[in-house]
Amino acid sequence: MPAPPAPQGGIEIVDAHQHFWDLERNRLPWLQDEPPIPFRYGDYRAIRRTYLPDDYQRDAAGHRVVQTVYVETEWDPSDPIGETRWVHDLHARTGRPDAVVAQAWLDRDDVEEVLAAQSGFPLVRGIRHKPAAAASPGEARRGAPGSMDDPAWRRGFELLRRFDLSFDLQVPWWHLDQARDLAFDVPDTPIILNHTGLPADRSAAGLAAWRTALAELARAPNAALKISGLGRPGLPWTVEDNGPVVRDAIRIFGASRCMFASNFPVDSLCADFDTIWRGFDTITRDLSEAERLAVFAGNARRLYRLNP
């Protein structure tokens, strides 16, 4: 297996959330079908192109990325194993990625079979399945079909511990009451919240509600947080805008349960790789060196069971 290019200068990075795709070989409906689906970053046509390890390496040039975690890409839902097989072939040819969060639909009848197959791949560490979510806080209701309250969805979730799999959760913050209950009810399964809980509303009231929801989930010791996905459509990614959010997230979860991630190439819609990682570096200058090493690399290694 070829080794990835040698790391460059700066703090060591384990990128805890990134994607690859080959749109000429594989089926990813959201990146190929017309018309494009509604998306939180607005027009996303710029990423509707093949993106592979060489592309990532060009984006990450100048940064010391030593390992990466690939997260499922909403590949054709009829073939979740096909994605995992393809990623393992990519790893064999390029050395990237170093771990995989695979696809499985927790409320489907075949979930046990799919989880058994996914857990058999050497790079798979966890599963992501986005539960049903409301479009706004005012529309959020407990008990919706396909949500974390759905008995069928929960039955699938409870199988994860049998296969020693963690769970990557992507929902907006107004569903974190469900996530809190899930974390306490199934304490043996690590739950890793994606994209900082999606704090898109940066009004004082919006951020206050986000902080309250995040703190509720942080009460569960098996919950962790990926700080990523902080872009907003039409606005630049700046330290001034995102610094308070990042610092609040670390204060609420603690530096031992937070991980930085690029979400590339998706977050290339908002900023280049250098802007994001230099921003994280600047925002965290008040942390101790041990805390910075943890959020930039150590926590991802531990939570995704990566060897140094």
Protein backbone atom coordinates (compact mmCIF):
# COMPACT_ATOMS: atom_id res chain seq x y z
CA MET A 1 0.00 0.00 0.00
CA PRO A 2 1.47 3.41 -0.91
CA ALA A 3 2.06 5.72 2.03
CA PRO A 4 0.38 9.13 2.09
CA PRO A 5 2.70 12.07 1.41
CA ALA A 6 4.93 13.04 4.31
CA PRO A 7 3.28 15.39 6.83
CA GLN A 8 4.35 19.01 6.66
CA GLY A 9 4.86 21.61 9.36
CA GLY A 10 2.55 22.83 12.10
CA ILE A 11 0.48 21.01 14.69
CA GLU A 12 -0.32 17.37 14.00
CA ILE A 13 -3.83 16.91 12.57
CA VAL A 14 -6.13 13.90 12.48
CA ASP A 15 -8.96 15.11 10.28
CA ALA A 16 -11.99 13.55 11.98
CA HIS A 17 -14.51 14.11 9.17
CA GLN A 18 -13.84 14.17 5.44
CA HIS A 19 -15.22 12.62 2.24
CA PHE A 20 -14.09 11.16 -1.07
CA TRP A 21 -16.22 10.36 -4.10
CA ASP A 22 -15.83 9.29 -7.71
CA LEU A 23 -18.87 10.49 -9.62
CA GLU A 24 -17.81 8.72 -12.80
CA ARG A 25 -17.76 5.30 -11.18
CA ASN A 26 -20.24 5.43 -8.30
CA ARG A 27 -23.82 6.42 -7.54
CA LEU A 28 -24.36 9.33 -5.14
CA PRO A 29 -27.85 10.68 -5.87
CA TRP A 30 -27.49 14.04 -4.13
CA LEU A 31 -24.36 14.83 -6.15
CA GLN A 32 -25.66 13.58 -9.49
CA ASP A 33 -29.43 13.96 -9.75
CA GLU A 34 -31.25 17.02 -11.03
CA PRO A 35 -32.45 19.29 -9.66
CA PRO A 36 -30.02 19.67 -6.73
CA ILE A 37 -31.60 19.10 -3.33
CA PRO A 38 -32.03 21.99 -0.84
CA PHE A 39 -28.73 22.31 1.03
CA ARG A 40 -27.71 24.24 4.14
CA TYR A 41 -24.84 25.94 2.29
CA GLY A 42 -27.05 26.94 -0.64
CA ASP A 43 -25.75 26.28 -4.16
CA TYR A 44 -23.41 23.29 -3.98
CA ARG A 45 -22.72 22.68 -7.65
CA ALA A 46 -19.02 23.42 -7.08
CA ILE A 47 -18.59 20.11 -5.22
CA ARG A 48 -20.54 18.02 -7.71
CA ARG A 49 -17.26 16.68 -9.06
CA THR A 50 -14.99 13.75 -8.33
CA TYR A 51 -12.90 14.29 -5.20
CA LEU A 52 -10.13 11.80 -4.34
CA PRO A 53 -7.06 11.65 -2.09
CA ASP A 54 -4.87 13.60 -4.51
CA ASP A 55 -7.44 16.42 -4.46
CA TYR A 56 -7.54 16.35 -0.66
CA GLN A 57 -3.75 16.41 -0.50
CA ARG A 58 -3.63 19.51 -2.69
CA ASP A 59 -6.20 21.22 -0.47
CA ALA A 60 -4.34 20.25 2.71
CA ALA A 61 -0.89 21.29 1.45
CA GLY A 62 1.07 23.06 4.14
CA HIS A 63 -0.72 21.28 6.99
CA ARG A 64 0.46 18.27 8.94
CA VAL A 65 -2.47 15.93 8.30
CA VAL A 66 -1.29 12.52 9.49
CA GLN A 67 -4.59 10.57 9.42
CA THR A 68 -8.16 11.05 8.23
CA VAL A 69 -11.59 9.62 9.02
CA TYR A 70 -13.88 9.05 6.03
CA VAL A 71 -17.58 9.56 6.73
CA GLU A 72 -20.27 8.01 4.53
CA THR A 73 -21.36 10.19 1.61
CA GLU A 74 -25.05 9.32 1.13
CA TRP A 75 -24.00 6.78 -1.48
CA ASP A 76 -26.78 4.82 -3.19
CA PRO A 77 -28.80 3.61 -0.16
CA SER A 78 -29.53 0.29 -1.85
CA ASP A 79 -25.80 -0.58 -1.73
CA PRO A 80 -24.20 0.56 1.56
CA ILE A 81 -21.60 -2.22 1.42
CA GLY A 82 -20.51 -1.07 -2.02
CA GLU A 83 -19.31 2.22 -0.58
CA THR A 84 -17.28 0.52 2.13
CA ARG A 85 -15.72 -1.87 -0.38
CA TRP A 86 -14.81 1.07 -2.64
CA VAL A 87 -13.23 3.03 0.24
CA HIS A 88 -11.12 0.05 1.25
CA ASP A 89 -9.89 -0.25 -2.32
CA LEU A 90 -9.06 3.47 -2.25
CA HIS A 91 -7.09 2.97 0.95
CA ALA A 92 -5.18 0.06 -0.58
CA ARG A 93 -4.20 2.21 -3.57
CA THR A 94 -3.51 5.55 -1.87
CA GLY A 95 -3.12 5.09 1.90
CA ARG A 96 -6.22 7.22 2.57
CA PRO A 97 -8.46 7.20 4.54
CA ASP A 98 -7.35 5.66 7.86
CA ALA A 99 -10.78 4.89 9.32
CA VAL A 100 -14.34 4.71 8.00
CA VAL A 101 -17.74 5.71 9.35
CA ALA A 102 -19.98 3.57 7.15
CA GLN A 103 -23.59 3.77 6.05
CA ALA A 104 -26.40 1.68 7.56
CA TRP A 105 -30.12 2.48 7.76
CA LEU A 106 -31.02 1.72 11.35
CA ASP A 107 -34.78 1.45 10.79
CA ARG A 108 -34.62 -1.02 7.91
CA ASP A 109 -35.40 -4.71 8.20
CA ASP A 110 -31.90 -5.67 7.00
CA VAL A 111 -30.03 -3.54 9.53
CA GLU A 112 -28.51 -6.46 11.46
CA GLU A 113 -27.19 -8.02 8.27
CA VAL A 114 -25.75 -4.70 7.08
CA LEU A 115 -24.09 -3.96 10.43
CA ALA A 116 -22.55 -7.43 10.51
CA ALA A 117 -21.10 -6.90 7.04
CA GLN A 118 -19.85 -3.38 7.76
CA SER A 119 -18.16 -4.44 10.99
CA GLY A 120 -16.19 -7.06 9.09
CA PHE A 121 -14.20 -4.43 7.16
CA PRO A 122 -10.90 -3.55 8.90
CA LEU A 123 -11.20 0.24 8.61
CA VAL A 124 -14.82 0.54 9.80
CA ARG A 125 -15.14 2.08 13.24
CA GLY A 126 -18.70 3.41 13.24
CA ILE A 127 -21.96 4.07 11.45
CA ARG A 128 -23.82 7.19 10.39
CA HIS A 129 -27.55 7.33 9.63
CA LYS A 130 -29.14 10.76 9.74
CA PRO A 131 -32.41 10.47 11.69
CA ALA A 132 -35.51 12.36 10.65
CA ALA A 133 -35.31 16.01 11.68
CA ALA A 134 -37.51 19.09 11.63
CA ALA A 135 -36.54 22.11 9.56
CA SER A 136 -36.71 24.54 12.50
CA PRO A 137 -36.94 24.53 16.30
CA GLY A 138 -40.62 25.44 16.19
CA GLU A 139 -41.41 22.37 14.08
CA ALA A 140 -39.55 19.88 16.28
CA ARG A 141 -41.76 17.18 17.82
CA ARG A 142 -40.85 14.10 19.80
CA GLY A 143 -41.82 10.70 18.45
CA ALA A 144 -41.69 11.33 14.69
CA PRO A 145 -41.23 8.30 12.40
CA GLY A 146 -37.58 7.83 11.53
CA SER A 147 -36.41 9.98 14.43
CA MET A 148 -34.27 8.92 17.39
CA ASP A 149 -37.55 8.28 19.26
CA ASP A 150 -38.83 5.83 16.65
CA PRO A 151 -38.87 2.29 18.16
CA ALA A 152 -37.66 0.75 14.88
CA TRP A 153 -34.77 3.25 14.66
CA ARG A 154 -33.83 2.60 18.27
CA ARG A 155 -33.84 -1.17 17.77
CA GLY A 156 -31.29 -0.71 15.01
CA PHE A 157 -29.23 1.65 17.15
CA GLU A 158 -29.12 -0.85 20.00
CA LEU A 159 -27.43 -3.35 17.69
CA LEU A 160 -24.35 -1.14 17.34
CA ARG A 161 -22.84 -2.27 20.64
CA ARG A 162 -23.05 -5.90 19.54
CA PHE A 163 -20.74 -5.08 16.65
CA ASP A 164 -18.48 -2.68 18.60
CA LEU A 165 -19.46 0.29 16.44
CA SER A 166 -19.71 3.95 17.40
CA PHE A 167 -22.38 6.25 15.99
CA ASP A 168 -21.92 9.54 14.14
CA LEU A 169 -25.02 11.67 14.68
CA GLN A 170 -25.97 14.54 12.39
CA VAL A 171 -29.02 16.51 13.52
CA PRO A 172 -29.63 20.19 14.26
CA TRP A 173 -29.38 21.21 17.90
CA TRP A 174 -33.16 21.27 18.42
CA HIS A 175 -33.15 17.46 18.41
CA LEU A 176 -30.43 17.05 21.01
CA ASP A 177 -33.00 16.29 23.71
CA GLN A 178 -33.63 13.04 21.81
CA ALA A 179 -29.88 12.46 21.51
CA ARG A 180 -29.40 13.00 25.25
CA ASP A 181 -32.05 10.38 26.06
CA LEU A 182 -30.56 7.98 23.53
CA ALA A 183 -27.08 8.41 25.01
CA PHE A 184 -28.28 7.71 28.55
CA ASP A 185 -30.45 4.77 27.46
CA VAL A 186 -27.61 3.10 25.51
CA PRO A 187 -24.52 4.14 27.46
CA ASP A 188 -22.15 1.59 25.91
CA THR A 189 -22.35 3.14 22.43
CA PRO A 190 -20.26 6.27 21.76
CA ILE A 191 -22.29 9.02 20.08
CA ILE A 192 -20.26 11.57 18.12
CA LEU A 193 -22.24 14.66 17.22
CA ASN A 194 -21.31 16.01 13.79
CA HIS A 195 -20.78 19.62 12.72
CA THR A 196 -21.01 21.25 16.14
CA GLY A 197 -24.76 20.64 16.32
CA LEU A 198 -25.35 22.93 13.30
CA PRO A 199 -25.46 26.38 14.95
CA ALA A 200 -26.57 28.25 11.81
CA ASP A 201 -28.64 30.83 13.71
CA ARG A 202 -26.05 33.18 15.19
CA SER A 203 -28.54 35.53 16.84
CA ALA A 204 -28.20 35.87 20.62
CA ALA A 205 -31.36 33.80 21.13
CA GLY A 206 -30.28 31.18 18.59
CA LEU A 207 -26.86 30.73 20.16
CA ALA A 208 -28.32 30.60 23.67
CA ALA A 209 -30.67 27.80 22.63
CA TRP A 210 -27.82 25.96 20.89
CA ARG A 211 -25.62 26.19 24.00
CA THR A 212 -28.42 24.87 26.21
CA ALA A 213 -29.08 21.93 23.89
CA LEU A 214 -25.37 21.13 23.56
CA ALA A 215 -24.97 21.16 27.34
CA GLU A 216 -27.81 18.65 27.71
CA LEU A 217 -26.08 16.18 25.39
CA ALA A 218 -22.72 16.84 27.04
CA ARG A 219 -24.14 15.45 30.31
CA ALA A 220 -23.87 11.97 28.77
CA PRO A 221 -20.32 10.64 29.22
CA ASN A 222 -20.56 8.61 26.00
CA ALA A 223 -21.17 11.73 23.88
CA ALA A 224 -18.45 13.58 21.95
CA LEU A 225 -18.41 16.47 19.50
CA LYS A 226 -16.89 17.18 16.10
CA ILE A 227 -16.23 20.88 15.58
CA SER A 228 -16.76 21.37 11.86
CA GLY A 229 -19.41 22.50 9.43
CA LEU A 230 -19.35 26.09 10.72
CA GLY A 231 -19.76 27.81 7.37
CA ARG A 232 -22.78 29.90 6.49
CA PRO A 233 -23.98 30.61 2.96
CA GLY A 234 -22.77 33.86 1.48
CA LEU A 235 -20.49 34.69 4.42
CA PRO A 236 -16.73 34.25 4.79
CA TRP A 237 -15.32 31.81 7.36
CA THR A 238 -13.67 34.10 9.94
CA VAL A 239 -12.16 33.76 13.38
CA GLU A 240 -14.33 36.65 14.56
CA ASP A 241 -17.53 34.88 13.48
CA ASN A 242 -16.69 31.31 14.46
CA GLY A 243 -14.35 31.82 17.40
CA PRO A 244 -17.11 32.27 20.02
CA VAL A 245 -18.91 29.16 18.75
CA VAL A 246 -15.75 27.04 18.86
CA ARG A 247 -14.81 28.27 22.34
CA ASP A 248 -18.32 27.66 23.67
CA ALA A 249 -18.34 24.15 22.20
CA ILE A 250 -15.04 23.27 23.85
CA ARG A 251 -16.13 24.81 27.15
CA ILE A 252 -19.37 22.78 27.14
CA PHE A 253 -17.93 19.41 26.09
CA GLY A 254 -14.41 19.84 27.39
CA ALA A 255 -11.23 19.55 25.37
CA SER A 256 -11.10 15.80 26.00
CA ARG A 257 -14.31 15.19 24.00
CA CYS A 258 -13.93 17.58 21.05
CA MET A 259 -12.34 16.98 17.66
CA PHE A 260 -11.61 19.38 14.84
CA ALA A 261 -12.52 18.31 11.31
CA SER A 262 -12.47 19.81 7.83
CA ASN A 263 -15.67 18.35 6.35
CA PHE A 264 -13.88 18.61 3.02
CA PRO A 265 -14.76 18.93 0.24
CA VAL A 266 -18.20 20.07 1.48
CA ASP A 267 -16.84 22.97 3.53
CA SER A 268 -14.79 24.14 0.54
CA LEU A 269 -18.08 25.85 -0.35
CA CYS A 270 -17.39 28.23 2.55
CA ALA A 271 -13.62 28.47 2.85
CA ASP A 272 -10.39 26.87 1.75
CA PHE A 273 -8.66 24.27 3.91
CA ASP A 274 -5.98 26.70 5.05
CA THR A 275 -8.50 29.28 6.29
CA ILE A 276 -10.37 26.71 8.38
CA TRP A 277 -7.34 25.11 10.03
CA ARG A 278 -5.49 28.37 10.63
CA GLY A 279 -8.73 29.61 12.15
CA PHE A 280 -8.88 26.64 14.53
CA ASP A 281 -5.24 27.24 15.41
CA THR A 282 -5.85 30.90 16.22
CA ILE A 283 -9.05 30.28 18.18
CA THR A 284 -7.40 27.69 20.45
CA ARG A 285 -4.29 29.63 21.42
CA ASP A 286 -5.63 29.99 24.98
CA LEU A 287 -5.80 26.21 25.45
CA SER A 288 -2.93 24.30 26.99
CA GLU A 289 -0.61 22.44 24.64
CA ALA A 290 -2.04 19.12 25.82
CA GLU A 291 -5.59 20.31 25.10
CA ARG A 292 -4.63 21.51 21.63
CA LEU A 293 -2.97 18.19 20.82
CA ALA A 294 -6.14 16.44 21.96
CA VAL A 295 -8.61 18.43 19.86
CA PHE A 296 -6.39 18.48 16.77
CA ALA A 297 -5.44 14.79 16.84
CA GLY A 298 -5.50 12.78 20.06
CA ASN A 299 -9.24 12.59 20.63
CA ALA A 300 -9.92 11.43 17.07
CA ARG A 301 -7.29 8.72 17.46
CA ARG A 302 -8.91 7.52 20.67
CA LEU A 303 -12.54 7.72 19.59
CA TYR A 304 -11.94 6.15 16.18
CA ARG A 305 -9.35 3.67 17.51
CA LEU A 306 -6.52 4.73 15.26
CA ASN A 307 -2.92 3.73 15.75
CA PRO A 308 -0.45 6.65 15.79
